Protein backbone atom coordinates (compact mmCIF):
# COMPACT_ATOMS: atom_id res chain seq x y z
CA MET A 1 115.32 92.41 61.78
CA ARG A 2 113.49 91.82 65.04
CA ALA A 3 110.12 90.07 64.94
CA MET A 4 107.45 89.62 67.61
CA VAL A 5 104.64 87.07 67.84
CA VAL A 6 101.68 88.18 69.99
CA LEU A 7 98.61 86.26 71.15
CA VAL A 8 95.40 88.25 70.78
CA GLY A 9 92.78 88.15 73.50
CA ARG A 10 90.02 90.56 74.51
CA GLN A 11 92.35 93.37 75.55
CA PRO A 12 94.63 95.16 73.04
CA LEU A 13 96.94 97.04 75.44
CA PRO A 14 98.94 94.00 76.69
CA ASN A 15 100.08 93.57 73.07
CA LEU A 16 100.25 97.21 72.02
CA ILE A 17 102.41 98.40 74.93
CA PRO A 18 105.29 95.90 74.39
CA ILE A 19 105.19 96.62 70.64
CA LYS A 20 105.52 100.36 71.26
CA HIS A 21 108.22 99.74 73.86
CA LEU A 22 110.41 97.33 71.85
CA ARG A 23 109.59 98.51 68.28
CA PRO A 24 110.04 95.26 66.30
CA GLY A 25 110.10 95.54 62.53
CA TRP A 26 107.56 92.73 62.01
CA VAL A 27 104.66 91.54 64.17
CA CYS A 28 102.47 88.47 63.80
CA PHE A 29 99.09 88.59 65.55
CA VAL A 30 97.81 85.12 66.46
CA TYR A 31 94.04 85.45 66.78
CA THR A 32 90.78 83.50 66.85
CA ASP A 33 87.34 84.21 65.45
CA ALA A 34 86.39 85.65 68.85
CA SER A 35 89.36 88.07 68.90
CA ARG A 36 89.31 89.02 65.20
CA ALA A 37 88.07 92.58 65.84
CA VAL A 38 90.79 93.22 68.45
CA TYR A 39 93.40 91.92 65.98
CA GLU A 40 92.13 94.08 63.13
CA HIS A 41 91.98 97.25 65.26
CA THR A 42 95.41 96.73 66.83
CA ALA A 43 97.11 95.68 63.60
CA ALA A 44 95.82 98.79 61.82
CA LEU A 45 97.27 100.92 64.59
CA VAL A 46 100.63 99.11 64.50
CA ARG A 47 100.87 99.53 60.72
CA ARG A 48 100.47 103.28 61.21
CA MET A 49 103.66 103.05 63.29
CA GLY A 50 105.49 101.78 60.21
CA ILE A 51 105.66 98.18 61.42
CA GLU A 52 104.85 95.28 59.08
CA THR A 53 102.04 93.06 60.37
CA HIS A 54 100.82 89.53 59.68
CA GLY A 55 97.72 87.73 60.98
CA LEU A 56 97.46 84.03 61.85
CA LEU A 57 93.95 82.66 62.48
CA VAL A 58 93.92 79.63 64.80
CA ASP A 59 91.46 77.46 66.69
CA ALA A 60 91.31 78.87 70.23
CA TYR A 61 91.50 75.41 71.84
CA ASP A 62 93.65 73.36 69.44
CA VAL A 63 97.11 73.22 71.00
CA ALA A 64 98.64 70.92 68.39
CA GLY A 65 97.20 72.82 65.44
CA THR A 66 98.25 76.22 66.80
CA SER A 67 101.74 74.92 67.61
CA ALA A 68 102.15 73.55 64.08
CA ALA A 69 100.90 76.77 62.47
CA LEU A 70 103.23 78.90 64.58
CA SER A 71 106.22 76.69 63.82
CA ALA A 72 105.49 76.86 60.09
CA LEU A 73 105.28 80.64 60.31
CA ILE A 74 108.44 81.20 62.36
CA LEU A 75 110.80 78.65 60.74
CA PRO A 76 111.36 80.68 57.53
CA LEU A 77 112.15 83.73 59.66
CA THR A 78 114.89 81.95 61.59
CA ARG A 79 116.50 80.85 58.33
CA GLU A 80 116.84 84.54 57.47
CA ALA A 81 118.53 85.26 60.83
CA VAL A 82 115.49 87.13 62.15
CA SER A 83 115.35 87.49 65.94
CA VAL A 84 111.94 86.23 67.13
CA THR A 85 110.34 87.04 70.50
CA ILE A 86 106.97 85.65 71.65
CA ASN A 87 104.62 87.66 73.87
CA LEU A 88 102.63 85.23 76.05
CA THR A 89 100.41 87.86 77.71
CA GLY A 90 97.20 87.51 75.67
CA GLY A 91 95.13 84.77 74.04
CA THR A 92 93.45 81.74 75.55
CA LYS A 93 95.31 79.40 77.92
CA THR A 94 95.58 76.78 75.18
CA MET A 95 97.06 79.38 72.79
CA VAL A 96 99.64 80.18 75.47
CA LEU A 97 100.47 76.48 75.83
CA ALA A 98 101.00 76.17 72.08
CA ALA A 99 103.19 79.28 71.92
CA PHE A 100 105.15 78.07 74.95
CA GLN A 101 105.91 74.79 73.17
CA VAL A 102 107.12 76.62 70.08
CA ALA A 103 109.26 78.98 72.14
CA ARG A 104 110.89 76.12 74.04
CA ARG A 105 111.60 74.06 70.91
CA GLY A 106 113.06 77.06 69.09
CA ASP A 107 114.80 78.61 72.10
CA PHE A 108 112.89 81.84 71.44
CA PRO A 109 112.78 84.48 74.21
CA VAL A 110 109.35 85.23 75.64
CA LEU A 111 107.65 88.24 77.22
CA TYR A 112 104.90 88.75 79.75
CA LEU A 113 103.37 92.12 80.63
CA ASN A 114 101.88 92.54 84.10
CA SER A 115 99.57 95.46 83.38
CA GLU A 116 97.72 95.20 86.71
CA GLN A 117 100.84 96.09 88.70
CA ASP A 118 101.55 99.78 89.27
CA PRO A 119 103.81 100.62 87.60
CA MET A 120 103.29 97.87 85.03
CA VAL A 121 106.22 95.51 84.50
CA LEU A 122 107.40 93.78 81.33
CA TYR A 123 109.15 90.50 82.14
CA ARG A 124 111.63 89.02 79.67
CA TYR A 125 112.62 85.36 79.79
CA GLY A 126 115.22 83.22 78.07
CA TRP A 127 115.87 79.49 78.12
CA ARG A 128 118.44 77.54 80.12
CA ASP A 129 118.50 73.74 79.84
CA GLY A 130 114.90 73.74 78.62
CA GLU A 131 113.66 75.86 81.52
CA LEU A 132 112.53 79.48 81.52
CA SER A 133 114.93 81.88 83.17
CA GLN A 134 114.07 85.52 83.85
CA VAL A 135 116.48 87.80 82.04
CA GLN A 136 115.04 91.22 82.77
CA ALA A 137 112.11 93.04 84.36
CA GLU A 138 111.46 96.59 83.24
CA THR A 139 108.78 99.26 83.26
CA PRO A 140 107.73 100.07 79.68
CA LEU A 141 107.84 103.87 79.58
CA VAL A 142 105.61 104.40 76.57
CA ASP A 143 102.75 106.73 75.81
CA VAL A 144 99.54 105.31 74.40
CA THR A 145 97.49 108.33 73.39
CA ILE A 146 93.75 108.49 73.96
CA ALA A 147 93.19 108.33 70.19
CA GLU A 148 95.33 105.17 70.01
CA TYR A 149 93.50 103.70 73.01
CA LEU A 150 90.09 104.28 71.43
CA ASP A 151 91.21 103.10 67.99
CA ALA A 152 92.65 99.90 69.49
CA HIS A 153 89.47 99.09 71.41
CA LEU A 154 86.79 100.32 69.01
CA GLY A 155 88.45 100.78 65.64
CA PRO A 156 89.23 103.94 63.65
CA GLY A 157 86.12 106.01 62.98
CA ALA A 158 84.08 104.34 65.73
CA TRP A 159 84.31 107.36 68.01
CA HIS A 160 84.49 111.15 67.93
CA HIS A 161 84.63 113.96 70.45
CA GLY A 162 83.04 117.38 70.69
CA GLU A 163 83.11 120.54 72.79
CA LEU A 164 81.56 121.16 76.18
CA ASP A 165 78.45 123.34 76.38
CA LEU A 166 79.50 125.97 78.91
CA ALA A 167 76.11 127.68 78.79
CA ASN A 168 74.57 125.18 81.21
CA ALA A 169 75.56 124.16 84.72
CA GLY A 170 76.46 120.62 83.70
CA GLY A 171 78.87 121.77 81.01
CA ALA A 172 80.49 124.33 83.34
CA PHE A 173 81.02 121.65 86.02
CA GLU A 174 82.54 119.27 83.46
CA SER A 175 84.85 122.07 82.29
CA ALA A 176 85.96 122.70 85.87
CA VAL A 177 86.70 118.99 86.39
CA ALA A 178 88.57 118.80 83.07
CA SER A 179 90.70 121.84 83.99
CA THR A 180 91.85 120.15 87.18
CA LEU A 181 92.56 116.86 85.42
CA ARG A 182 94.64 118.60 82.74
CA GLU A 183 96.94 119.81 85.52
CA CYS A 184 97.61 116.28 86.80
CA ALA A 185 97.40 114.09 83.65
CA ASP A 186 99.20 113.94 80.32
CA GLU A 187 96.02 114.17 78.26
CA VAL A 188 92.28 114.75 78.76
CA VAL A 189 89.56 114.44 76.10
CA THR A 190 85.96 115.44 76.78
CA SER A 191 82.54 114.68 75.26
CA ILE A 192 83.47 111.44 73.52
CA ARG A 193 80.81 109.64 71.50
CA LEU A 194 81.24 105.90 71.01
CA LEU A 195 79.61 103.27 68.83
CA GLY A 196 77.83 105.53 66.38
CA GLY A 197 76.95 108.09 69.03
CA SER A 198 74.80 105.74 71.11
CA THR A 199 77.14 105.97 74.13
CA GLU A 200 78.82 109.03 75.60
CA VAL A 201 81.91 109.33 77.79
CA ASP A 202 82.09 112.64 79.67
CA MET A 203 85.87 112.55 79.76
CA LEU A 204 88.83 110.22 79.41
CA ALA A 205 92.18 111.02 81.04
CA ARG A 206 95.52 109.31 80.77
CA THR A 207 99.09 109.49 81.98
CA GLY A 208 101.58 107.38 80.02
CA SER A 209 99.53 104.26 79.28
CA ARG A 210 97.21 104.43 82.32
CA PHE A 211 93.62 105.48 81.64
CA ALA A 212 90.59 106.64 83.62
CA ILE A 213 87.00 107.36 82.57
CA PHE A 214 85.13 110.15 84.35
CA GLU A 215 81.35 110.45 84.49
CA VAL A 216 80.50 113.92 85.79
CA LYS A 217 77.07 114.82 87.18
CA SER A 218 76.10 118.29 88.39
CA GLY A 219 73.49 119.17 90.98
CA GLN A 220 70.90 116.63 92.09
CA SER A 221 71.55 114.40 89.06
CA GLY A 222 74.46 112.98 91.07
CA ARG A 223 71.97 111.27 93.37
CA ARG A 224 70.64 109.08 90.55
CA ALA A 225 72.09 105.70 89.60
CA ASP A 226 72.12 106.21 85.83
CA GLY A 227 75.64 107.72 85.82
CA ILE A 228 77.08 104.69 87.59
CA LYS A 229 75.33 102.34 85.18
CA GLN A 230 76.65 104.42 82.28
CA LEU A 231 80.21 103.93 83.54
CA SER A 232 79.70 100.18 83.76
CA SER A 233 78.30 100.07 80.23
CA VAL A 234 81.23 102.04 78.80
CA ALA A 235 83.77 99.86 80.62
CA LYS A 236 82.45 96.79 78.78
CA SER A 237 83.41 98.41 75.46
CA LEU A 238 86.83 99.49 76.68
CA SER A 239 89.60 98.01 78.80
CA ILE A 240 88.89 96.17 82.04
CA TYR A 241 92.01 97.86 83.41
CA THR A 242 90.60 101.38 82.95
CA ALA A 243 89.72 103.13 86.21
CA LEU A 244 86.15 104.42 86.61
CA TYR A 245 85.33 107.68 88.40
CA TYR A 246 81.95 109.17 89.29
CA VAL A 247 82.37 112.88 90.05
CA ILE A 248 79.38 114.57 91.69
CA GLU A 249 78.44 117.78 93.53
CA VAL A 250 76.49 116.03 96.27
CA GLU A 251 77.20 113.38 98.87
CA MET A 252 76.67 109.86 97.55
CA GLU A 253 73.41 108.23 98.59
CA LYS A 254 73.72 105.10 100.75
CA SER A 255 71.53 103.29 98.23
CA GLN A 256 74.24 103.85 95.60
CA GLN A 257 77.03 102.22 97.62
CA MET A 258 76.30 98.63 96.62
CA LEU A 259 76.07 99.61 92.95
CA VAL A 260 79.36 101.52 93.16
CA ASP A 261 81.14 98.62 94.86
CA SER A 262 79.86 96.01 92.42
CA HIS A 263 81.09 97.99 89.39
CA GLY A 264 84.44 99.07 90.84
CA VAL A 265 83.59 102.77 90.60
CA GLN A 266 85.45 105.41 92.62
CA VAL A 267 83.23 108.29 93.77
CA VAL A 268 84.56 111.83 94.21
CA SER A 269 82.13 114.23 95.90
CA LEU A 270 82.91 117.90 95.34
CA GLY A 271 81.26 121.09 96.56
CA ALA A 272 78.68 122.89 94.42
CA HIS A 273 80.03 126.39 95.19
CA ARG A 274 82.64 127.82 92.80
CA SER A 275 83.85 131.42 92.71
CA GLU A 276 84.70 130.90 89.02
CA PRO A 277 82.16 128.90 86.93
CA CYS A 278 84.76 126.70 85.20
CA ARG A 279 87.27 126.28 88.05
CA LEU A 280 87.06 124.12 91.15
CA GLU A 281 87.68 125.59 94.57
CA ALA A 282 91.13 124.80 96.01
CA GLU A 283 89.87 122.09 98.37
CA ASP A 284 87.90 120.32 95.62
CA ASP A 285 90.81 120.71 93.20
CA ALA A 286 93.10 118.96 95.68
CA ARG A 287 90.55 116.20 96.37
CA LEU A 288 90.05 115.40 92.67
CA THR A 289 93.78 115.60 91.96
CA ALA A 290 94.59 113.14 94.76
CA ALA A 291 91.94 110.70 93.51
CA ALA A 292 93.19 110.86 89.91
CA LEU A 293 96.85 110.48 90.86
CA ARG A 294 96.10 107.26 92.75
CA THR A 295 95.22 105.64 89.43
CA LEU A 296 97.12 107.60 86.80
CA GLY A 297 100.31 108.53 88.64
CA SER A 298 102.14 111.80 87.97
CA PRO A 299 102.97 112.95 84.44
CA ALA A 300 106.65 112.91 83.50
CA GLY A 301 108.43 115.87 85.04
CA THR A 302 105.48 116.75 87.29
CA HIS A 303 105.98 117.23 91.01
CA ARG A 304 102.58 118.44 92.02
């Protein structure tokens, strides 16, 4: 059997993606009180994949204690000829130091996922004379669905999605934007309610395991700042690596520029005229597609 030890921090995807890519039979999540919710959400998702999970609660800043607890956990596995790999991507710096010590003493291979690089790269390391030596660098070609993404960040049952109201101009514009995104992404979900319905996401798109949130404002509502603030609020509940888009039918106001820059929001201004209510004009379709592809990349087999 292959086992994986992962260090839990604030973000679930750096642990979930290598698990989906390598498919170990057993995973131990090393977590702290501060990362307990992330552990519980991610472990529940991993168990649904048919993988056995174990949780190890540690002090976030106790290197010696964490090292001892990890050693006690892993030693019985090695006696049963279990192959153990340690993912050093998450957790606090002191958790990483403790796991590094255990890996070096036990000659266990380690992983590190660079999820900020495009495409993301999973680095694998082995040991040679007590020093880390890179064995392999690969792109993990895995799909994390939008449901899995939301379950990992918020927990099962903490979100739901509905249908667009096409009877009003706002709903028709959102439908037009969603139609374009569905042509250049693997998956698009609209009208998502988070956190008991108190927060709404207009739409979430993904290709592979790259995600983008779209706030869509029709007419003069695009000149207000509330949509940009909404994006920033949603991003705090979800991944810091998720791209943020503000799609509007007007030109962005100069007064909005500082707010956009400070929150890392990408603005896409489209025309208000559409010959079909729920379809973008060709020029706007191309503009939105180009913006989305910069973040999401092309779906497998797509050559648009």
